[in-house]
Amino acid sequence: QAELDRQVDAQLLSEADKLRAFARTSRDPYSGERFTTGASLLTAFMAVHRPEHNAAFFSVVNGRADRRSPGPVPVRLDRDPEVVALMARTADTRIRSLDSRAGTVRYGVVPVQMAG
């Protein structure tokens, strides 16, 4: 189990790095300007980056689940109010585990704040 956790953690860290790189270099496809809201940045990121098999992205904006990556997943954590509240309270990038209806889930949180 420890080796599997290390592999999943590496995957989650890689996804966090992709999001950070996207935030530094990407522009809003509609305006050509830098993203002005975290919601628009996350929506655009999820439109062009697909999670690995048995993984999903979802965004929490102002304490509510906002968008989710397409595709089937074992459990819709974005529909669980306790999980969404946990994600909303997280102020730092982290990788943790939680119990869900589908079993133990390894998850990563990357808080996004826009400058300005």
PDB file of N, CA and C in Angstrom:
ATOM      1  N   GLN A   1       0.820  -1.201   0.000  1.00  0.00           N
ATOM      2  CA  GLN A   1       0.000   0.000   0.000  1.00  0.00           C
ATOM      3  C   GLN A   1       0.862   1.262   0.000  1.00  0.00           C
ATOM      4  N   ALA A   2       1.980   1.230   0.711  1.00  0.00           N
ATOM      5  CA  ALA A   2       2.843   2.410   0.779  1.00  0.00           C
ATOM      6  C   ALA A   2       3.393   2.775  -0.600  1.00  0.00           C
ATOM      7  N   GLU A   3       3.753   1.771  -1.391  1.00  0.00           N
ATOM      8  CA  GLU A   3       4.270   2.044  -2.735  1.00  0.00           C
ATOM      9  C   GLU A   3       3.179   2.644  -3.615  1.00  0.00           C
ATOM     10  N   LEU A   4       1.971   2.119  -3.534  1.00  0.00           N
ATOM     11  CA  LEU A   4       0.860   2.675  -4.300  1.00  0.00           C
ATOM     12  C   LEU A   4       0.605   4.124  -3.891  1.00  0.00           C
ATOM     13  N   ASP A   5       0.616   4.408  -2.595  1.00  0.00           N
ATOM     14  CA  ASP A   5       0.441   5.789  -2.129  1.00  0.00           C
ATOM     15  C   ASP A   5       1.529   6.693  -2.701  1.00  0.00           C
ATOM     16  N   ARG A   6       2.774   6.228  -2.747  1.00  0.00           N
ATOM     17  CA  ARG A   6       3.869   7.033  -3.307  1.00  0.00           C
ATOM     18  C   ARG A   6       3.629   7.319  -4.791  1.00  0.00           C
ATOM     19  N   GLN A   7       3.144   6.319  -5.518  1.00  0.00           N
ATOM     20  CA  GLN A   7       2.871   6.514  -6.944  1.00  0.00           C
ATOM     21  C   GLN A   7       1.736   7.515  -7.151  1.00  0.00           C
ATOM     22  N   VAL A   8       0.682   7.375  -6.365  1.00  0.00           N
ATOM     23  CA  VAL A   8      -0.450   8.299  -6.477  1.00  0.00           C
ATOM     24  C   VAL A   8      -0.020   9.702  -6.070  1.00  0.00           C
ATOM     25  N   ASP A   9       0.762   9.814  -5.002  1.00  0.00           N
ATOM     26  CA  ASP A   9       1.256  11.123  -4.567  1.00  0.00           C
ATOM     27  C   ASP A   9       2.081  11.787  -5.668  1.00  0.00           C
ATOM     28  N   ALA A  10       2.934  11.012  -6.331  1.00  0.00           N
ATOM     29  CA  ALA A  10       3.744  11.559  -7.422  1.00  0.00           C
ATOM     30  C   ALA A  10       2.849  12.059  -8.550  1.00  0.00           C
ATOM     31  N   GLN A  11       1.802  11.316  -8.851  1.00  0.00           N
ATOM     32  CA  GLN A  11       0.850  11.731  -9.882  1.00  0.00           C
ATOM     33  C   GLN A  11       0.142  13.016  -9.463  1.00  0.00           C
ATOM     34  N   LEU A  12      -0.296  13.095  -8.211  1.00  0.00           N
ATOM     35  CA  LEU A  12      -0.977  14.295  -7.724  1.00  0.00           C
ATOM     36  C   LEU A  12      -0.047  15.508  -7.743  1.00  0.00           C
ATOM     37  N   LEU A  13       1.203  15.322  -7.349  1.00  0.00           N
ATOM     38  CA  LEU A  13       2.166  16.426  -7.388  1.00  0.00           C
ATOM     39  C   LEU A  13       2.422  16.883  -8.821  1.00  0.00           C
ATOM     40  N   SER A  14       2.465  15.935  -9.746  1.00  0.00           N
ATOM     41  CA  SER A  14       2.638  16.273 -11.156  1.00  0.00           C
ATOM     42  C   SER A  14       1.459  17.101 -11.662  1.00  0.00           C
ATOM     43  N   GLU A  15       0.257  16.722 -11.287  1.00  0.00           N
ATOM     44  CA  GLU A  15      -0.929  17.486 -11.695  1.00  0.00           C
ATOM     45  C   GLU A  15      -0.896  18.894 -11.100  1.00  0.00           C
ATOM     46  N   ALA A  16      -0.467  19.017  -9.853  1.00  0.00           N
ATOM     47  CA  ALA A  16      -0.352  20.341  -9.225  1.00  0.00           C
ATOM     48  C   ALA A  16       0.663  21.195  -9.983  1.00  0.00           C
ATOM     49  N   ASP A  17       1.783  20.595 -10.386  1.00  0.00           N
ATOM     50  CA  ASP A  17       2.790  21.323 -11.162  1.00  0.00           C
ATOM     51  C   ASP A  17       2.232  21.766 -12.512  1.00  0.00           C
ATOM     52  N   LYS A  18       1.441  20.905 -13.150  1.00  0.00           N
ATOM     53  CA  LYS A  18       0.819  21.273 -14.430  1.00  0.00           C
ATOM     54  C   LYS A  18      -0.120  22.460 -14.248  1.00  0.00           C
ATOM     55  N   LEU A  19      -0.890  22.460 -13.162  1.00  0.00           N
ATOM     56  CA  LEU A  19      -1.791  23.581 -12.897  1.00  0.00           C
ATOM     57  C   LEU A  19      -0.992  24.866 -12.682  1.00  0.00           C
ATOM     58  N   ARG A  20       0.072  24.795 -11.908  1.00  0.00           N
ATOM     59  CA  ARG A  20       0.898  25.989 -11.663  1.00  0.00           C
ATOM     60  C   ARG A  20       1.500  26.521 -12.971  1.00  0.00           C
ATOM     61  N   ALA A  21       2.006  25.627 -13.811  1.00  0.00           N
ATOM     62  CA  ALA A  21       2.573  26.045 -15.097  1.00  0.00           C
ATOM     63  C   ALA A  21       1.495  26.663 -15.978  1.00  0.00           C
ATOM     64  N   PHE A  22       0.330  26.062 -15.997  1.00  0.00           N
ATOM     65  CA  PHE A  22      -0.794  26.589 -16.770  1.00  0.00           C
ATOM     66  C   PHE A  22      -1.148  27.987 -16.276  1.00  0.00           C
ATOM     67  N   ALA A  23      -1.198  28.173 -14.973  1.00  0.00           N
ATOM     68  CA  ALA A  23      -1.549  29.476 -14.394  1.00  0.00           C
ATOM     69  C   ALA A  23      -0.516  30.543 -14.768  1.00  0.00           C
ATOM     70  N   ARG A  24       0.751  30.159 -14.864  1.00  0.00           N
ATOM     71  CA  ARG A  24       1.810  31.123 -15.194  1.00  0.00           C
ATOM     72  C   ARG A  24       1.809  31.522 -16.662  1.00  0.00           C
ATOM     73  N   THR A  25       1.401  30.614 -17.541  1.00  0.00           N
ATOM     74  CA  THR A  25       1.627  30.842 -18.969  1.00  0.00           C
ATOM     75  C   THR A  25       0.373  30.990 -19.817  1.00  0.00           C
ATOM     76  N   SER A  26      -0.774  30.613 -19.319  1.00  0.00           N
ATOM     77  CA  SER A  26      -1.965  30.569 -20.166  1.00  0.00           C
ATOM     78  C   SER A  26      -2.732  31.882 -20.147  1.00  0.00           C
ATOM     79  N   ARG A  27      -3.516  32.044 -21.195  1.00  0.00           N
ATOM     80  CA  ARG A  27      -4.369  33.222 -21.358  1.00  0.00           C
ATOM     81  C   ARG A  27      -5.810  32.764 -21.536  1.00  0.00           C
ATOM     82  N   ASP A  28      -6.723  33.628 -21.149  1.00  0.00           N
ATOM     83  CA  ASP A  28      -8.145  33.358 -21.346  1.00  0.00           C
ATOM     84  C   ASP A  28      -8.394  33.244 -22.850  1.00  0.00           C
ATOM     85  N   PRO A  29      -8.965  32.131 -23.326  1.00  0.00           N
ATOM     86  CA  PRO A  29      -9.151  31.958 -24.766  1.00  0.00           C
ATOM     87  C   PRO A  29     -10.145  32.949 -25.372  1.00  0.00           C
ATOM     88  N   TYR A  30     -10.997  33.542 -24.563  1.00  0.00           N
ATOM     89  CA  TYR A  30     -11.994  34.483 -25.074  1.00  0.00           C
ATOM     90  C   TYR A  30     -11.452  35.899 -25.176  1.00  0.00           C
ATOM     91  N   SER A  31     -10.653  36.312 -24.202  1.00  0.00           N
ATOM     92  CA  SER A  31     -10.161  37.692 -24.187  1.00  0.00           C
ATOM     93  C   SER A  31      -8.697  37.814 -24.594  1.00  0.00           C
ATOM     94  N   GLY A  32      -7.942  36.722 -24.503  1.00  0.00           N
ATOM     95  CA  GLY A  32      -6.516  36.790 -24.771  1.00  0.00           C
ATOM     96  C   GLY A  32      -5.722  37.369 -23.613  1.00  0.00           C
ATOM     97  N   GLU A  33      -6.406  37.771 -22.572  1.00  0.00           N
ATOM     98  CA  GLU A  33      -5.765  38.359 -21.394  1.00  0.00           C
ATOM     99  C   GLU A  33      -5.473  37.268 -20.370  1.00  0.00           C
ATOM    100  N   ARG A  34      -4.679  37.639 -19.370  1.00  0.00           N
ATOM    101  CA  ARG A  34      -4.440  36.712 -18.265  1.00  0.00           C
ATOM    102  C   ARG A  34      -5.770  36.453 -17.564  1.00  0.00           C
ATOM    103  N   PHE A  35      -5.896  35.295 -16.968  1.00  0.00           N
ATOM    104  CA  PHE A  35      -7.120  34.964 -16.244  1.00  0.00           C
ATOM    105  C   PHE A  35      -7.307  35.938 -15.086  1.00  0.00           C
ATOM    106  N   THR A  36      -8.546  36.340 -14.861  1.00  0.00           N
ATOM    107  CA  THR A  36      -8.834  37.287 -13.780  1.00  0.00           C
ATOM    108  C   THR A  36      -9.528  36.632 -12.600  1.00  0.00           C
ATOM    109  N   THR A  37     -10.036  35.419 -12.790  1.00  0.00           N
ATOM    110  CA  THR A  37     -10.678  34.718 -11.676  1.00  0.00           C
ATOM    111  C   THR A  37     -10.135  33.298 -11.578  1.00  0.00           C
ATOM    112  N   GLY A  38     -10.108  32.803 -10.362  1.00  0.00           N
ATOM    113  CA  GLY A  38      -9.699  31.420 -10.158  1.00  0.00           C
ATOM    114  C   GLY A  38     -10.633  30.457 -10.867  1.00  0.00           C
ATOM    115  N   ALA A  39     -11.929  30.780 -10.866  1.00  0.00           N
ATOM    116  CA  ALA A  39     -12.912  29.902 -11.513  1.00  0.00           C
ATOM    117  C   ALA A  39     -12.631  29.768 -13.004  1.00  0.00           C
ATOM    118  N   SER A  40     -12.350  30.880 -13.683  1.00  0.00           N
ATOM    119  CA  SER A  40     -12.088  30.806 -15.127  1.00  0.00           C
ATOM    120  C   SER A  40     -10.782  30.066 -15.412  1.00  0.00           C
ATOM    121  N   LEU A  41      -9.780  30.271 -14.577  1.00  0.00           N
ATOM    122  CA  LEU A  41      -8.515  29.550 -14.730  1.00  0.00           C
ATOM    123  C   LEU A  41      -8.729  28.046 -14.583  1.00  0.00           C
ATOM    124  N   LEU A  42      -9.432  27.638 -13.541  1.00  0.00           N
ATOM    125  CA  LEU A  42      -9.650  26.212 -13.294  1.00  0.00           C
ATOM    126  C   LEU A  42     -10.523  25.576 -14.368  1.00  0.00           C
ATOM    127  N   THR A  43     -11.534  26.301 -14.833  1.00  0.00           N
ATOM    128  CA  THR A  43     -12.391  25.778 -15.900  1.00  0.00           C
ATOM    129  C   THR A  43     -11.574  25.543 -17.167  1.00  0.00           C
ATOM    130  N   ALA A  44     -10.733  26.509 -17.524  1.00  0.00           N
ATOM    131  CA  ALA A  44      -9.898  26.357 -18.720  1.00  0.00           C
ATOM    132  C   ALA A  44      -8.896  25.219 -18.544  1.00  0.00           C
ATOM    133  N   PHE A  45      -8.303  25.106 -17.367  1.00  0.00           N
ATOM    134  CA  PHE A  45      -7.353  24.023 -17.111  1.00  0.00           C
ATOM    135  C   PHE A  45      -8.027  22.667 -17.300  1.00  0.00           C
ATOM    136  N   MET A  46      -9.213  22.513 -16.739  1.00  0.00           N
ATOM    137  CA  MET A  46      -9.908  21.225 -16.847  1.00  0.00           C
ATOM    138  C   MET A  46     -10.364  20.943 -18.273  1.00  0.00           C
ATOM    139  N   ALA A  47     -10.521  21.991 -19.090  1.00  0.00           N
ATOM    140  CA  ALA A  47     -10.923  21.791 -20.481  1.00  0.00           C
ATOM    141  C   ALA A  47      -9.784  21.220 -21.322  1.00  0.00           C
ATOM    142  N   VAL A  48      -8.540  21.502 -20.931  1.00  0.00           N
ATOM    143  CA  VAL A  48      -7.414  21.056 -21.752  1.00  0.00           C
ATOM    144  C   VAL A  48      -6.556  19.974 -21.103  1.00  0.00           C
ATOM    145  N   HIS A  49      -6.719  19.746 -19.813  1.00  0.00           N
ATOM    146  CA  HIS A  49      -5.948  18.709 -19.112  1.00  0.00           C
ATOM    147  C   HIS A  49      -6.903  17.636 -18.594  1.00  0.00           C
ATOM    148  N   ARG A  50      -6.637  16.430 -18.969  1.00  0.00           N
ATOM    149  CA  ARG A  50      -7.473  15.315 -18.524  1.00  0.00           C
ATOM    150  C   ARG A  50      -6.765  14.568 -17.401  1.00  0.00           C
ATOM    151  N   PRO A  51      -7.493  14.203 -16.358  1.00  0.00           N
ATOM    152  CA  PRO A  51      -6.873  13.428 -15.276  1.00  0.00           C
ATOM    153  C   PRO A  51      -6.573  12.006 -15.732  1.00  0.00           C
ATOM    154  N   GLU A  52      -5.701  11.364 -14.997  1.00  0.00           N
ATOM    155  CA  GLU A  52      -5.361   9.973 -15.268  1.00  0.00           C
ATOM    156  C   GLU A  52      -6.572   9.079 -14.999  1.00  0.00           C
ATOM    157  N   HIS A  53      -6.458   7.821 -15.415  1.00  0.00           N
ATOM    158  CA  HIS A  53      -7.504   6.818 -15.184  1.00  0.00           C
ATOM    159  C   HIS A  53      -7.846   6.746 -13.692  1.00  0.00           C
ATOM    160  N   ASN A  54      -9.119   6.607 -13.376  1.00  0.00           N
ATOM    161  CA  ASN A  54      -9.611   6.540 -11.989  1.00  0.00           C
ATOM    162  C   ASN A  54      -9.298   7.792 -11.188  1.00  0.00           C
ATOM    163  N   ALA A  55      -9.225   8.917 -11.874  1.00  0.00           N
ATOM    164  CA  ALA A  55      -8.978  10.192 -11.202  1.00  0.00           C
ATOM    165  C   ALA A  55      -9.945  11.224 -11.761  1.00  0.00           C
ATOM    166  N   ALA A  56     -10.106  12.298 -11.034  1.00  0.00           N
ATOM    167  CA  ALA A  56     -10.971  13.388 -11.483  1.00  0.00           C
ATOM    168  C   ALA A  56     -10.450  14.690 -10.908  1.00  0.00           C
ATOM    169  N   PHE A  57     -10.747  15.771 -11.614  1.00  0.00           N
ATOM    170  CA  PHE A  57     -10.509  17.113 -11.091  1.00  0.00           C
ATOM    171  C   PHE A  57     -11.868  17.707 -10.767  1.00  0.00           C
ATOM    172  N   PHE A  58     -11.943  18.465  -9.694  1.00  0.00           N
ATOM    173  CA  PHE A  58     -13.093  19.342  -9.530  1.00  0.00           C
ATOM    174  C   PHE A  58     -12.654  20.582  -8.797  1.00  0.00           C
ATOM    175  N   SER A  59     -13.366  21.676  -9.085  1.00  0.00           N
ATOM    176  CA  SER A  59     -13.010  22.953  -8.477  1.00  0.00           C
ATOM    177  C   SER A  59     -14.056  23.339  -7.444  1.00  0.00           C
ATOM    178  N   VAL A  60     -13.579  24.023  -6.424  1.00  0.00           N
ATOM    179  CA  VAL A  60     -14.443  24.573  -5.385  1.00  0.00           C
ATOM    180  C   VAL A  60     -14.232  26.080  -5.425  1.00  0.00           C
ATOM    181  N   VAL A  61     -15.311  26.817  -5.642  1.00  0.00           N
ATOM    182  CA  VAL A  61     -15.245  28.271  -5.738  1.00  0.00           C
ATOM    183  C   VAL A  61     -16.203  28.856  -4.715  1.00  0.00           C
ATOM    184  N   ASN A  62     -15.670  29.700  -3.861  1.00  0.00           N
ATOM    185  CA  ASN A  62     -16.482  30.325  -2.805  1.00  0.00           C
ATOM    186  C   ASN A  62     -17.233  29.287  -1.976  1.00  0.00           C
ATOM    187  N   GLY A  63     -16.554  28.189  -1.661  1.00  0.00           N
ATOM    188  CA  GLY A  63     -17.119  27.168  -0.791  1.00  0.00           C
ATOM    189  C   GLY A  63     -18.073  26.197  -1.446  1.00  0.00           C
ATOM    190  N   ARG A  64     -18.241  26.288  -2.765  1.00  0.00           N
ATOM    191  CA  ARG A  64     -19.177  25.397  -3.467  1.00  0.00           C
ATOM    192  C   ARG A  64     -18.473  24.689  -4.618  1.00  0.00           C
ATOM    193  N   ALA A  65     -18.869  23.440  -4.855  1.00  0.00           N
ATOM    194  CA  ALA A  65     -18.343  22.720  -6.016  1.00  0.00           C
ATOM    195  C   ALA A  65     -18.758  23.481  -7.266  1.00  0.00           C
ATOM    196  N   ASP A  66     -17.808  23.706  -8.172  1.00  0.00           N
ATOM    197  CA  ASP A  66     -18.080  24.533  -9.350  1.00  0.00           C
ATOM    198  C   ASP A  66     -18.055  23.708 -10.631  1.00  0.00           C
ATOM    199  N   ARG A  67     -16.912  23.175 -10.995  1.00  0.00           N
ATOM    200  CA  ARG A  67     -16.767  22.399 -12.224  1.00  0.00           C
ATOM    201  C   ARG A  67     -16.100  21.068 -11.910  1.00  0.00           C
ATOM    202  N   ARG A  68     -16.286  20.109 -12.845  1.00  0.00           N
ATOM    203  CA  ARG A  68     -15.697  18.783 -12.699  1.00  0.00           C
ATOM    204  C   ARG A  68     -15.192  18.333 -14.057  1.00  0.00           C
ATOM    205  N   SER A  69     -14.105  17.594 -14.048  1.00  0.00           N
ATOM    206  CA  SER A  69     -13.596  17.042 -15.298  1.00  0.00           C
ATOM    207  C   SER A  69     -14.578  15.996 -15.822  1.00  0.00           C
ATOM    208  N   PRO A  70     -14.671  15.856 -17.152  1.00  0.00           N
ATOM    209  CA  PRO A  70     -15.598  14.868 -17.705  1.00  0.00           C
ATOM    210  C   PRO A  70     -15.094  13.446 -17.493  1.00  0.00           C
ATOM    211  N   GLY A  71     -16.001  12.516 -17.642  1.00  0.00           N
ATOM    212  CA  GLY A  71     -15.624  11.110 -17.570  1.00  0.00           C
ATOM    213  C   GLY A  71     -16.131  10.428 -16.321  1.00  0.00           C
ATOM    214  N   PRO A  72     -16.177   9.099 -16.384  1.00  0.00           N
ATOM    215  CA  PRO A  72     -16.667   8.325 -15.238  1.00  0.00           C
ATOM    216  C   PRO A  72     -15.639   8.276 -14.107  1.00  0.00           C
ATOM    217  N   VAL A  73     -16.140   8.276 -12.893  1.00  0.00           N
ATOM    218  CA  VAL A  73     -15.294   8.136 -11.702  1.00  0.00           C
ATOM    219  C   VAL A  73     -15.996   7.201 -10.728  1.00  0.00           C
ATOM    220  N   PRO A  74     -15.234   6.541  -9.849  1.00  0.00           N
ATOM    221  CA  PRO A  74     -15.857   5.610  -8.902  1.00  0.00           C
ATOM    222  C   PRO A  74     -16.849   6.281  -7.953  1.00  0.00           C
ATOM    223  N   VAL A  75     -16.584   7.534  -7.590  1.00  0.00           N
ATOM    224  CA  VAL A  75     -17.483   8.255  -6.686  1.00  0.00           C
ATOM    225  C   VAL A  75     -17.375   9.745  -6.993  1.00  0.00           C
ATOM    226  N   ARG A  76     -18.505  10.444  -6.956  1.00  0.00           N
ATOM    227  CA  ARG A  76     -18.548  11.882  -7.228  1.00  0.00           C
ATOM    228  C   ARG A  76     -18.319  12.650  -5.931  1.00  0.00           C
ATOM    229  N   LEU A  77     -17.066  12.895  -5.591  1.00  0.00           N
ATOM    230  CA  LEU A  77     -16.749  13.628  -4.366  1.00  0.00           C
ATOM    231  C   LEU A  77     -17.257  15.063  -4.418  1.00  0.00           C
ATOM    232  N   ASP A  78     -17.409  15.612  -5.613  1.00  0.00           N
ATOM    233  CA  ASP A  78     -17.917  16.975  -5.745  1.00  0.00           C
ATOM    234  C   ASP A  78     -19.384  17.085  -5.327  1.00  0.00           C
ATOM    235  N   ARG A  79     -20.044  15.976  -5.141  1.00  0.00           N
ATOM    236  CA  ARG A  79     -21.440  15.978  -4.676  1.00  0.00           C
ATOM    237  C   ARG A  79     -21.562  15.704  -3.182  1.00  0.00           C
ATOM    238  N   ASP A  80     -20.444  15.541  -2.506  1.00  0.00           N
ATOM    239  CA  ASP A  80     -20.440  15.264  -1.070  1.00  0.00           C
ATOM    240  C   ASP A  80     -20.164  16.571  -0.325  1.00  0.00           C
ATOM    241  N   PRO A  81     -21.164  17.127   0.369  1.00  0.00           N
ATOM    242  CA  PRO A  81     -20.987  18.424   1.039  1.00  0.00           C
ATOM    243  C   PRO A  81     -19.835  18.447   2.038  1.00  0.00           C
ATOM    244  N   GLU A  82     -19.594  17.341   2.726  1.00  0.00           N
ATOM    245  CA  GLU A  82     -18.491  17.308   3.693  1.00  0.00           C
ATOM    246  C   GLU A  82     -17.137  17.384   2.995  1.00  0.00           C
ATOM    247  N   VAL A  83     -17.001  16.702   1.881  1.00  0.00           N
ATOM    248  CA  VAL A  83     -15.747  16.741   1.126  1.00  0.00           C
ATOM    249  C   VAL A  83     -15.533  18.140   0.550  1.00  0.00           C
ATOM    250  N   VAL A  84     -16.571  18.713  -0.029  1.00  0.00           N
ATOM    251  CA  VAL A  84     -16.457  20.061  -0.592  1.00  0.00           C
ATOM    252  C   VAL A  84     -16.071  21.058   0.496  1.00  0.00           C
ATOM    253  N   ALA A  85     -16.682  20.949   1.667  1.00  0.00           N
ATOM    254  CA  ALA A  85     -16.342  21.845   2.780  1.00  0.00           C
ATOM    255  C   ALA A  85     -14.889  21.655   3.206  1.00  0.00           C
ATOM    256  N   LEU A  86     -14.422  20.417   3.245  1.00  0.00           N
ATOM    257  CA  LEU A  86     -13.027  20.139   3.589  1.00  0.00           C
ATOM    258  C   LEU A  86     -12.088  20.801   2.587  1.00  0.00           C
ATOM    259  N   MET A  87     -12.381  20.642   1.311  1.00  0.00           N
ATOM    260  CA  MET A  87     -11.545  21.251   0.277  1.00  0.00           C
ATOM    261  C   MET A  87     -11.564  22.776   0.391  1.00  0.00           C
ATOM    262  N   ALA A  88     -12.728  23.334   0.631  1.00  0.00           N
ATOM    263  CA  ALA A  88     -12.856  24.792   0.727  1.00  0.00           C
ATOM    264  C   ALA A  88     -12.060  25.359   1.900  1.00  0.00           C
ATOM    265  N   ARG A  89     -11.941  24.606   2.977  1.00  0.00           N
ATOM    266  CA  ARG A  89     -11.206  25.068   4.169  1.00  0.00           C
ATOM    267  C   ARG A  89      -9.695  24.941   4.023  1.00  0.00           C
ATOM    268  N   THR A  90      -9.236  24.218   3.032  1.00  0.00           N
ATOM    269  CA  THR A  90      -7.805  23.949   2.888  1.00  0.00           C
ATOM    270  C   THR A  90      -7.106  25.176   2.316  1.00  0.00           C
ATOM    271  N   ALA A  91      -6.135  25.694   3.058  1.00  0.00           N
ATOM    272  CA  ALA A  91      -5.450  26.922   2.658  1.00  0.00           C
ATOM    273  C   ALA A  91      -4.075  26.673   2.051  1.00  0.00           C
ATOM    274  N   ASP A  92      -3.617  25.428   2.059  1.00  0.00           N
ATOM    275  CA  ASP A  92      -2.298  25.122   1.519  1.00  0.00           C
ATOM    276  C   ASP A  92      -2.382  23.900   0.608  1.00  0.00           C
ATOM    277  N   THR A  93      -1.399  23.778  -0.273  1.00  0.00           N
ATOM    278  CA  THR A  93      -1.345  22.604  -1.142  1.00  0.00           C
ATOM    279  C   THR A  93      -1.081  21.386  -0.276  1.00  0.00           C
ATOM    280  N   ARG A  94      -1.898  20.362  -0.465  1.00  0.00           N
ATOM    281  CA  ARG A  94      -1.729  19.170   0.363  1.00  0.00           C
ATOM    282  C   ARG A  94      -2.206  17.927  -0.355  1.00  0.00           C
ATOM    283  N   ILE A  95      -1.687  16.804   0.100  1.00  0.00           N
ATOM    284  CA  ILE A  95      -2.122  15.486  -0.352  1.00  0.00           C
ATOM    285  C   ILE A  95      -2.505  14.717   0.894  1.00  0.00           C
ATOM    286  N   ARG A  96      -3.704  14.157   0.870  1.00  0.00           N
ATOM    287  CA  ARG A  96      -4.214  13.427   2.025  1.00  0.00           C
ATOM    288  C   ARG A  96      -5.088  12.270   1.531  1.00  0.00           C
ATOM    289  N   SER A  97      -5.649  11.548   2.485  1.00  0.00           N
ATOM    290  CA  SER A  97      -6.605  10.472   2.196  1.00  0.00           C
ATOM    291  C   SER A  97      -7.896  10.750   2.933  1.00  0.00           C
ATOM    292  N   LEU A  98      -8.982  10.245   2.378  1.00  0.00           N
ATOM    293  CA  LEU A  98     -10.268  10.304   3.068  1.00  0.00           C
ATOM    294  C   LEU A  98     -11.069   9.072   2.712  1.00  0.00           C
ATOM    295  N   ASP A  99     -11.999   8.725   3.572  1.00  0.00           N
ATOM    296  CA  ASP A  99     -12.880   7.588   3.320  1.00  0.00           C
ATOM    297  C   ASP A  99     -14.096   8.068   2.557  1.00  0.00           C
ATOM    298  N   SER A 100     -14.491   7.292   1.541  1.00  0.00           N
ATOM    299  CA  SER A 100     -15.663   7.622   0.736  1.00  0.00           C
ATOM    300  C   SER A 100     -16.504   6.365   0.543  1.00  0.00           C
ATOM    301  N   ARG A 101     -17.623   6.525  -0.136  1.00  0.00           N
ATOM    302  CA  ARG A 101     -18.480   5.372  -0.434  1.00  0.00           C
ATOM    303  C   ARG A 101     -17.753   4.344  -1.302  1.00  0.00           C
ATOM    304  N   ALA A 102     -16.750   4.790  -2.063  1.00  0.00           N
ATOM    305  CA  ALA A 102     -16.006   3.883  -2.942  1.00  0.00           C
ATOM    306  C   ALA A 102     -14.738   3.351  -2.284  1.00  0.00           C
ATOM    307  N   GLY A 103     -14.521   3.696  -1.023  1.00  0.00           N
ATOM    308  CA  GLY A 103     -13.305   3.273  -0.323  1.00  0.00           C
ATOM    309  C   GLY A 103     -12.410   4.463  -0.037  1.00  0.00           C
ATOM    310  N   THR A 104     -11.168   4.187   0.302  1.00  0.00           N
ATOM    311  CA  THR A 104     -10.222   5.254   0.612  1.00  0.00           C
ATOM    312  C   THR A 104      -9.816   5.974  -0.669  1.00  0.00           C
ATOM    313  N   VAL A 105      -9.844   7.298  -0.618  1.00  0.00           N
ATOM    314  CA  VAL A 105      -9.501   8.139  -1.757  1.00  0.00           C
ATOM    315  C   VAL A 105      -8.272   8.963  -1.394  1.00  0.00           C
ATOM    316  N   ARG A 106      -7.293   8.960  -2.261  1.00  0.00           N
ATOM    317  CA  ARG A 106      -6.122   9.830  -2.109  1.00  0.00           C
ATOM    318  C   ARG A 106      -6.431  11.077  -2.923  1.00  0.00           C
ATOM    319  N   TYR A 107      -6.266  12.250  -2.340  1.00  0.00           N
ATOM    320  CA  TYR A 107      -6.636  13.476  -3.040  1.00  0.00           C
ATOM    321  C   TYR A 107      -5.573  14.547  -2.849  1.00  0.00           C
ATOM    322  N   GLY A 108      -5.576  15.491  -3.762  1.00  0.00           N
ATOM    323  CA  GLY A 108      -4.701  16.652  -3.667  1.00  0.00           C
ATOM    324  C   GLY A 108      -5.532  17.909  -3.764  1.00  0.00           C
ATOM    325  N   VAL A 109      -5.117  18.924  -3.027  1.00  0.00           N
ATOM    326  CA  VAL A 109      -5.773  20.232  -3.066  1.00  0.00           C
ATOM    327  C   VAL A 109      -4.721  21.269  -3.426  1.00  0.00           C
ATOM    328  N   VAL A 110      -5.048  22.131  -4.385  1.00  0.00           N
ATOM    329  CA  VAL A 110      -4.175  23.240  -4.758  1.00  0.00           C
ATOM    330  C   VAL A 110      -5.015  24.512  -4.702  1.00  0.00           C
ATOM    331  N   PRO A 111      -4.914  25.278  -3.619  1.00  0.00           N
ATOM    332  CA  PRO A 111      -5.675  26.527  -3.539  1.00  0.00           C
ATOM    333  C   PRO A 111      -5.208  27.509  -4.623  1.00  0.00           C
ATOM    334  N   VAL A 112      -6.148  28.254  -5.183  1.00  0.00           N
ATOM    335  CA  VAL A 112      -5.842  29.227  -6.230  1.00  0.00           C
ATOM    336  C   VAL A 112      -6.355  30.586  -5.787  1.00  0.00           C
ATOM    337  N   GLN A 113      -5.472  31.568  -5.831  1.00  0.00           N
ATOM    338  CA  GLN A 113      -5.857  32.955  -5.588  1.00  0.00           C
ATOM    339  C   GLN A 113      -5.288  33.781  -6.721  1.00  0.00           C
ATOM    340  N   MET A 114      -6.065  34.723  -7.201  1.00  0.00           N
ATOM    341  CA  MET A 114      -5.613  35.572  -8.293  1.00  0.00           C
ATOM    342  C   MET A 114      -5.062  36.872  -7.726  1.00  0.00           C
ATOM    343  N   ALA A 115      -3.950  37.326  -8.282  1.00  0.00           N
ATOM    344  CA  ALA A 115      -3.359  38.594  -7.853  1.00  0.00           C
ATOM    345  C   ALA A 115      -4.195  39.752  -8.392  1.00  0.00           C
ATOM    346  N   GLY A 116      -4.218  40.820  -7.614  1.00  0.00           N
ATOM    347  CA  GLY A 116      -4.880  42.023  -8.106  1.00  0.00           C
ATOM    348  C   GLY A 116      -6.198  42.283  -7.570  1.00  0.00           C
TER     349      GLY A 116
END
